Full PDB file with SEQRES, HELIX, SHEET, SSBOND, CRYST1, ORIGX, SCALE, CONECT and MASTER records, all heavy atoms in Angstrom:
SEQRES   1 A   30  GLU LEU THR CYS GLY ILE TYR THR ASP LEU ALA GLN ALA          
SEQRES   2 A   30  LEU ALA GLU THR GLY ALA ASN LEU VAL PHE ASP VAL THR          
SEQRES   3 A   30  ILE PRO ALA SER                                              
HELIX    1 AA1 LEU A   10  THR A   17  1                                   8    
CRYST1    1.000    1.000    1.000  90.00  90.00  90.00 P 1           1          
ORIGX1      1.000000  0.000000  0.000000        0.00000                         
ORIGX2      0.000000  1.000000  0.000000        0.00000                         
ORIGX3      0.000000  0.000000  1.000000        0.00000                         
SCALE1      1.000000  0.000000  0.000000        0.00000                         
SCALE2      0.000000  1.000000  0.000000        0.00000                         
SCALE3      0.000000  0.000000  1.000000        0.00000                         
ATOM      1  N   GLU A   1     113.555 113.796 108.015  1.00  0.00           N  
ATOM      2  CA  GLU A   1     114.276 115.012 107.585  1.00  0.00           C  
ATOM      3  C   GLU A   1     113.581 115.660 106.311  1.00  0.00           C  
ATOM      4  O   GLU A   1     114.150 115.977 105.323  1.00  0.00           O  
ATOM      5  CB  GLU A   1     115.711 114.670 107.208  1.00  0.00           C  
ATOM      6  CG  GLU A   1     116.489 114.172 108.409  1.00  0.00           C  
ATOM      7  CD  GLU A   1     117.959 113.905 108.109  1.00  0.00           C  
ATOM      8  OE1 GLU A   1     118.341 113.855 106.898  1.00  0.00           O  
ATOM      9  OE2 GLU A   1     118.726 113.736 109.080  1.00  0.00           O  
ATOM     10  N   LEU A   2     112.173 115.730 106.436  1.00  0.00           N  
ATOM     11  CA  LEU A   2     111.404 116.339 105.376  1.00  0.00           C  
ATOM     12  C   LEU A   2     111.237 117.816 105.576  1.00  0.00           C  
ATOM     13  O   LEU A   2     111.065 118.227 106.738  1.00  0.00           O  
ATOM     14  CB  LEU A   2     109.999 115.649 105.367  1.00  0.00           C  
ATOM     15  CG  LEU A   2     109.969 114.141 105.056  1.00  0.00           C  
ATOM     16  CD1 LEU A   2     108.592 113.525 105.268  1.00  0.00           C  
ATOM     17  CD2 LEU A   2     110.538 113.759 103.704  1.00  0.00           C  
ATOM     18  N   THR A   3     111.227 118.539 104.481  1.00  0.00           N  
ATOM     19  CA  THR A   3     111.044 120.029 104.622  1.00  0.00           C  
ATOM     20  C   THR A   3     109.716 120.445 104.033  1.00  0.00           C  
ATOM     21  O   THR A   3     109.564 121.573 103.678  1.00  0.00           O  
ATOM     22  CB  THR A   3     112.188 120.698 103.806  1.00  0.00           C  
ATOM     23  OG1 THR A   3     112.211 120.242 102.516  1.00  0.00           O  
ATOM     24  CG2 THR A   3     113.532 120.398 104.488  1.00  0.00           C  
ATOM     25  N   CYS A   4     108.785 119.528 103.931  1.00  0.00           N  
ATOM     26  CA  CYS A   4     107.496 119.795 103.312  1.00  0.00           C  
ATOM     27  C   CYS A   4     106.631 120.539 104.339  1.00  0.00           C  
ATOM     28  O   CYS A   4     106.926 120.710 105.496  1.00  0.00           O  
ATOM     29  CB  CYS A   4     106.819 118.504 102.913  1.00  0.00           C  
ATOM     30  SG  CYS A   4     106.475 117.423 104.263  1.00  0.00           S  
ATOM     31  N   GLY A   5     105.411 120.964 103.812  1.00  0.00           N  
ATOM     32  CA  GLY A   5     104.476 121.685 104.653  1.00  0.00           C  
ATOM     33  C   GLY A   5     103.882 120.780 105.692  1.00  0.00           C  
ATOM     34  O   GLY A   5     103.695 119.597 105.512  1.00  0.00           O  
ATOM     35  N   ILE A   6     103.535 121.392 106.836  1.00  0.00           N  
ATOM     36  CA  ILE A   6     102.790 120.677 107.985  1.00  0.00           C  
ATOM     37  C   ILE A   6     101.446 121.289 108.023  1.00  0.00           C  
ATOM     38  O   ILE A   6     101.285 122.532 108.144  1.00  0.00           O  
ATOM     39  CB  ILE A   6     103.593 120.859 109.251  1.00  0.00           C  
ATOM     40  CG1 ILE A   6     105.046 120.379 109.131  1.00  0.00           C  
ATOM     41  CG2 ILE A   6     102.867 120.204 110.414  1.00  0.00           C  
ATOM     42  CD1 ILE A   6     105.132 118.939 108.857  1.00  0.00           C  
ATOM     43  N   TYR A   7     100.449 120.448 108.079  1.00  0.00           N  
ATOM     44  CA  TYR A   7      99.061 120.908 108.022  1.00  0.00           C  
ATOM     45  C   TYR A   7      98.138 120.135 109.010  1.00  0.00           C  
ATOM     46  O   TYR A   7      98.443 118.977 109.376  1.00  0.00           O  
ATOM     47  CB  TYR A   7      98.452 120.738 106.606  1.00  0.00           C  
ATOM     48  CG  TYR A   7      99.243 121.457 105.535  1.00  0.00           C  
ATOM     49  CD1 TYR A   7     100.209 120.834 104.798  1.00  0.00           C  
ATOM     50  CD2 TYR A   7      98.868 122.758 105.185  1.00  0.00           C  
ATOM     51  CE1 TYR A   7     100.924 121.432 103.838  1.00  0.00           C  
ATOM     52  CE2 TYR A   7      99.578 123.452 104.196  1.00  0.00           C  
ATOM     53  CZ  TYR A   7     100.602 122.801 103.456  1.00  0.00           C  
ATOM     54  OH  TYR A   7     101.298 123.406 102.508  1.00  0.00           O  
ATOM     55  N   THR A   8      97.077 120.747 109.374  1.00  0.00           N  
ATOM     56  CA  THR A   8      95.983 120.082 110.179  1.00  0.00           C  
ATOM     57  C   THR A   8      94.710 119.960 109.252  1.00  0.00           C  
ATOM     58  O   THR A   8      93.730 119.343 109.706  1.00  0.00           O  
ATOM     59  CB  THR A   8      95.691 120.734 111.417  1.00  0.00           C  
ATOM     60  OG1 THR A   8      95.324 122.088 111.182  1.00  0.00           O  
ATOM     61  CG2 THR A   8      96.859 120.766 112.402  1.00  0.00           C  
ATOM     62  N   ASP A   9      94.750 120.527 108.045  1.00  0.00           N  
ATOM     63  CA  ASP A   9      93.576 120.553 107.189  1.00  0.00           C  
ATOM     64  C   ASP A   9      94.033 120.061 105.785  1.00  0.00           C  
ATOM     65  O   ASP A   9      94.946 120.626 105.183  1.00  0.00           O  
ATOM     66  CB  ASP A   9      93.053 121.946 107.051  1.00  0.00           C  
ATOM     67  CG  ASP A   9      91.800 122.071 106.168  1.00  0.00           C  
ATOM     68  OD1 ASP A   9      90.702 121.643 106.628  1.00  0.00           O  
ATOM     69  OD2 ASP A   9      91.956 122.452 104.987  1.00  0.00           O  
ATOM     70  N   LEU A  10      93.417 118.954 105.356  1.00  0.00           N  
ATOM     71  CA  LEU A  10      93.790 118.311 104.109  1.00  0.00           C  
ATOM     72  C   LEU A  10      93.496 119.266 102.877  1.00  0.00           C  
ATOM     73  O   LEU A  10      94.313 119.317 102.006  1.00  0.00           O  
ATOM     74  CB  LEU A  10      93.093 116.979 103.909  1.00  0.00           C  
ATOM     75  CG  LEU A  10      93.321 116.285 102.593  1.00  0.00           C  
ATOM     76  CD1 LEU A  10      94.811 115.930 102.383  1.00  0.00           C  
ATOM     77  CD2 LEU A  10      92.494 115.007 102.518  1.00  0.00           C  
ATOM     78  N   ALA A  11      92.313 119.885 102.887  1.00  0.00           N  
ATOM     79  CA  ALA A  11      91.963 120.761 101.785  1.00  0.00           C  
ATOM     80  C   ALA A  11      93.043 121.853 101.582  1.00  0.00           C  
ATOM     81  O   ALA A  11      93.394 122.147 100.475  1.00  0.00           O  
ATOM     82  CB  ALA A  11      90.547 121.426 102.017  1.00  0.00           C  
ATOM     83  N   GLN A  12      93.458 122.396 102.680  1.00  0.00           N  
ATOM     84  CA  GLN A  12      94.489 123.474 102.599  1.00  0.00           C  
ATOM     85  C   GLN A  12      95.797 122.880 102.083  1.00  0.00           C  
ATOM     86  O   GLN A  12      96.426 123.550 101.252  1.00  0.00           O  
ATOM     87  CB  GLN A  12      94.739 124.089 103.962  1.00  0.00           C  
ATOM     88  CG  GLN A  12      95.812 125.170 104.031  1.00  0.00           C  
ATOM     89  CD  GLN A  12      96.112 125.657 105.428  1.00  0.00           C  
ATOM     90  OE1 GLN A  12      95.553 125.143 106.377  1.00  0.00           O  
ATOM     91  NE2 GLN A  12      97.005 126.605 105.457  1.00  0.00           N  
ATOM     92  N   ALA A  13      96.138 121.712 102.510  1.00  0.00           N  
ATOM     93  CA  ALA A  13      97.372 121.102 102.027  1.00  0.00           C  
ATOM     94  C   ALA A  13      97.387 120.802 100.533  1.00  0.00           C  
ATOM     95  O   ALA A  13      98.347 121.091  99.841  1.00  0.00           O  
ATOM     96  CB  ALA A  13      97.593 119.808 102.796  1.00  0.00           C  
ATOM     97  N   LEU A  14      96.208 120.360 100.061  1.00  0.00           N  
ATOM     98  CA  LEU A  14      96.112 120.074  98.613  1.00  0.00           C  
ATOM     99  C   LEU A  14      96.188 121.409  97.804  1.00  0.00           C  
ATOM    100  O   LEU A  14      96.783 121.478  96.774  1.00  0.00           O  
ATOM    101  CB  LEU A  14      94.824 119.389  98.344  1.00  0.00           C  
ATOM    102  CG  LEU A  14      94.675 117.929  98.911  1.00  0.00           C  
ATOM    103  CD1 LEU A  14      93.278 117.373  98.814  1.00  0.00           C  
ATOM    104  CD2 LEU A  14      95.619 117.024  98.103  1.00  0.00           C  
ATOM    105  N   ALA A  15      95.501 122.411  98.286  1.00  0.00           N  
ATOM    106  CA  ALA A  15      95.479 123.739  97.644  1.00  0.00           C  
ATOM    107  C   ALA A  15      96.855 124.356  97.544  1.00  0.00           C  
ATOM    108  O   ALA A  15      97.227 124.895  96.520  1.00  0.00           O  
ATOM    109  CB  ALA A  15      94.485 124.626  98.267  1.00  0.00           C  
ATOM    110  N   GLU A  16      97.612 124.196  98.639  1.00  0.00           N  
ATOM    111  CA  GLU A  16      98.837 124.944  98.702  1.00  0.00           C  
ATOM    112  C   GLU A  16     100.059 124.158  98.110  1.00  0.00           C  
ATOM    113  O   GLU A  16     101.052 124.730  97.663  1.00  0.00           O  
ATOM    114  CB  GLU A  16      99.207 125.266 100.150  1.00  0.00           C  
ATOM    115  CG  GLU A  16      98.298 126.277 100.726  1.00  0.00           C  
ATOM    116  CD  GLU A  16      98.691 126.754 102.116  1.00  0.00           C  
ATOM    117  OE1 GLU A  16      99.736 126.248 102.657  1.00  0.00           O  
ATOM    118  OE2 GLU A  16      97.891 127.473 102.788  1.00  0.00           O  
ATOM    119  N   THR A  17      99.929 122.798  97.996  1.00  0.00           N  
ATOM    120  CA  THR A  17     101.016 121.976  97.480  1.00  0.00           C  
ATOM    121  C   THR A  17     100.840 121.555  96.058  1.00  0.00           C  
ATOM    122  O   THR A  17     101.839 121.184  95.403  1.00  0.00           O  
ATOM    123  CB  THR A  17     101.206 120.730  98.335  1.00  0.00           C  
ATOM    124  OG1 THR A  17     100.015 119.954  98.235  1.00  0.00           O  
ATOM    125  CG2 THR A  17     101.446 121.079  99.780  1.00  0.00           C  
ATOM    126  N   GLY A  18      99.620 121.585  95.549  1.00  0.00           N  
ATOM    127  CA  GLY A  18      99.391 121.061  94.199  1.00  0.00           C  
ATOM    128  C   GLY A  18      99.522 119.574  94.115  1.00  0.00           C  
ATOM    129  O   GLY A  18      99.906 118.998  93.073  1.00  0.00           O  
ATOM    130  N   ALA A  19      99.360 118.849  95.245  1.00  0.00           N  
ATOM    131  CA  ALA A  19      99.542 117.421  95.301  1.00  0.00           C  
ATOM    132  C   ALA A  19      98.612 116.690  94.310  1.00  0.00           C  
ATOM    133  O   ALA A  19      97.442 117.163  94.115  1.00  0.00           O  
ATOM    134  CB  ALA A  19      99.350 116.930  96.669  1.00  0.00           C  
ATOM    135  N   ASN A  20      98.998 115.617  93.692  1.00  0.00           N  
ATOM    136  CA  ASN A  20      98.147 114.849  92.831  1.00  0.00           C  
ATOM    137  C   ASN A  20      97.871 113.448  93.353  1.00  0.00           C  
ATOM    138  O   ASN A  20      97.225 112.597  92.692  1.00  0.00           O  
ATOM    139  CB  ASN A  20      98.705 114.774  91.390  1.00  0.00           C  
ATOM    140  CG  ASN A  20     100.104 114.188  91.334  1.00  0.00           C  
ATOM    141  OD1 ASN A  20     100.592 113.604  92.300  1.00  0.00           O  
ATOM    142  ND2 ASN A  20     100.727 114.304  90.216  1.00  0.00           N  
ATOM    143  N   LEU A  21      98.391 113.216  94.566  1.00  0.00           N  
ATOM    144  CA  LEU A  21      98.195 111.818  95.217  1.00  0.00           C  
ATOM    145  C   LEU A  21      98.151 112.034  96.677  1.00  0.00           C  
ATOM    146  O   LEU A  21      99.043 112.715  97.262  1.00  0.00           O  
ATOM    147  CB  LEU A  21      99.381 110.927  94.747  1.00  0.00           C  
ATOM    148  CG  LEU A  21      99.343 109.516  95.393  1.00  0.00           C  
ATOM    149  CD1 LEU A  21      98.074 108.736  94.962  1.00  0.00           C  
ATOM    150  CD2 LEU A  21     100.546 108.695  94.901  1.00  0.00           C  
ATOM    151  N   VAL A  22      97.193 111.350  97.310  1.00  0.00           N  
ATOM    152  CA  VAL A  22      97.072 111.338  98.771  1.00  0.00           C  
ATOM    153  C   VAL A  22      97.197 109.989  99.300  1.00  0.00           C  
ATOM    154  O   VAL A  22      96.580 109.010  98.770  1.00  0.00           O  
ATOM    155  CB  VAL A  22      95.714 112.003  99.223  1.00  0.00           C  
ATOM    156  CG1 VAL A  22      95.523 111.742 100.731  1.00  0.00           C  
ATOM    157  CG2 VAL A  22      95.652 113.440  98.901  1.00  0.00           C  
ATOM    158  N   PHE A  23      98.056 109.792 100.315  1.00  0.00           N  
ATOM    159  CA  PHE A  23      98.137 108.544 101.091  1.00  0.00           C  
ATOM    160  C   PHE A  23      97.269 108.718 102.247  1.00  0.00           C  
ATOM    161  O   PHE A  23      97.441 109.560 103.104  1.00  0.00           O  
ATOM    162  CB  PHE A  23      99.507 108.280 101.647  1.00  0.00           C  
ATOM    163  CG  PHE A  23     100.498 107.815 100.589  1.00  0.00           C  
ATOM    164  CD1 PHE A  23     101.897 107.598 100.872  1.00  0.00           C  
ATOM    165  CD2 PHE A  23     100.213 107.506  99.236  1.00  0.00           C  
ATOM    166  CE1 PHE A  23     102.827 107.192  99.995  1.00  0.00           C  
ATOM    167  CE2 PHE A  23     101.085 107.065  98.358  1.00  0.00           C  
ATOM    168  CZ  PHE A  23     102.398 106.861  98.705  1.00  0.00           C  
ATOM    169  N   ASP A  24      96.144 107.990 102.349  1.00  0.00           N  
ATOM    170  CA  ASP A  24      95.188 108.047 103.516  1.00  0.00           C  
ATOM    171  C   ASP A  24      95.593 106.958 104.507  1.00  0.00           C  
ATOM    172  O   ASP A  24      95.189 105.833 104.318  1.00  0.00           O  
ATOM    173  CB  ASP A  24      93.755 107.871 103.005  1.00  0.00           C  
ATOM    174  CG  ASP A  24      92.798 107.951 104.176  1.00  0.00           C  
ATOM    175  OD1 ASP A  24      93.243 108.306 105.359  1.00  0.00           O  
ATOM    176  OD2 ASP A  24      91.650 107.582 104.008  1.00  0.00           O  
ATOM    177  N   VAL A  25      96.322 107.373 105.535  1.00  0.00           N  
ATOM    178  CA  VAL A  25      96.690 106.426 106.524  1.00  0.00           C  
ATOM    179  C   VAL A  25      96.132 106.861 107.898  1.00  0.00           C  
ATOM    180  O   VAL A  25      96.727 106.686 108.947  1.00  0.00           O  
ATOM    181  CB  VAL A  25      98.284 106.392 106.644  1.00  0.00           C  
ATOM    182  CG1 VAL A  25      98.713 104.979 107.168  1.00  0.00           C  
ATOM    183  CG2 VAL A  25      98.951 106.627 105.295  1.00  0.00           C  
ATOM    184  N   THR A  26      94.877 107.330 107.798  1.00  0.00           N  
ATOM    185  CA  THR A  26      94.234 107.771 109.001  1.00  0.00           C  
ATOM    186  C   THR A  26      93.434 106.574 109.637  1.00  0.00           C  
ATOM    187  O   THR A  26      93.395 105.451 109.052  1.00  0.00           O  
ATOM    188  CB  THR A  26      93.163 108.946 108.646  1.00  0.00           C  
ATOM    189  OG1 THR A  26      92.246 108.395 107.650  1.00  0.00           O  
ATOM    190  CG2 THR A  26      93.961 110.047 108.054  1.00  0.00           C  
ATOM    191  N   ILE A  27      92.687 106.847 110.666  1.00  0.00           N  
ATOM    192  CA  ILE A  27      91.905 105.768 111.301  1.00  0.00           C  
ATOM    193  C   ILE A  27      90.614 105.649 110.452  1.00  0.00           C  
ATOM    194  O   ILE A  27      90.234 106.453 109.705  1.00  0.00           O  
ATOM    195  CB  ILE A  27      91.478 106.140 112.761  1.00  0.00           C  
ATOM    196  CG1 ILE A  27      90.619 107.404 112.801  1.00  0.00           C  
ATOM    197  CG2 ILE A  27      92.735 106.276 113.598  1.00  0.00           C  
ATOM    198  CD1 ILE A  27      90.086 107.703 114.192  1.00  0.00           C  
ATOM    199  N   PRO A  28      89.986 104.422 110.570  1.00  0.00           N  
ATOM    200  CA  PRO A  28      88.799 104.165 109.707  1.00  0.00           C  
ATOM    201  C   PRO A  28      87.683 105.188 109.707  1.00  0.00           C  
ATOM    202  O   PRO A  28      87.121 105.533 108.671  1.00  0.00           O  
ATOM    203  CB  PRO A  28      88.266 102.815 110.284  1.00  0.00           C  
ATOM    204  CG  PRO A  28      89.482 102.147 110.798  1.00  0.00           C  
ATOM    205  CD  PRO A  28      90.316 103.228 111.392  1.00  0.00           C  
ATOM    206  N   ALA A  29      87.486 105.817 110.815  1.00  0.00           N  
ATOM    207  CA  ALA A  29      86.412 106.841 110.936  1.00  0.00           C  
ATOM    208  C   ALA A  29      86.697 108.088 110.077  1.00  0.00           C  
ATOM    209  O   ALA A  29      85.807 108.875 109.741  1.00  0.00           O  
ATOM    210  CB  ALA A  29      86.242 107.281 112.405  1.00  0.00           C  
ATOM    211  N   SER A  30      87.983 108.280 109.701  1.00  0.00           N  
ATOM    212  CA  SER A  30      88.343 109.422 108.874  1.00  0.00           C  
ATOM    213  C   SER A  30      88.404 109.170 107.409  1.00  0.00           C  
ATOM    214  O   SER A  30      88.603 110.104 106.573  1.00  0.00           O  
ATOM    215  CB  SER A  30      89.684 110.027 109.358  1.00  0.00           C  
ATOM    216  OG  SER A  30      89.575 110.388 110.719  1.00  0.00           O  
TER     217      SER A  30                                                      
MASTER        0    0    0    1    0    0    0    6  216    1    0    3          
END                                                                             
């Protein structure tokens, strides 16, 4: 039940949200 932004591009997500922390839970290749 999150109302946050949905993105396919991390750079865009960081620019638009002003986030200061990223949880990287992607596959090893990413």
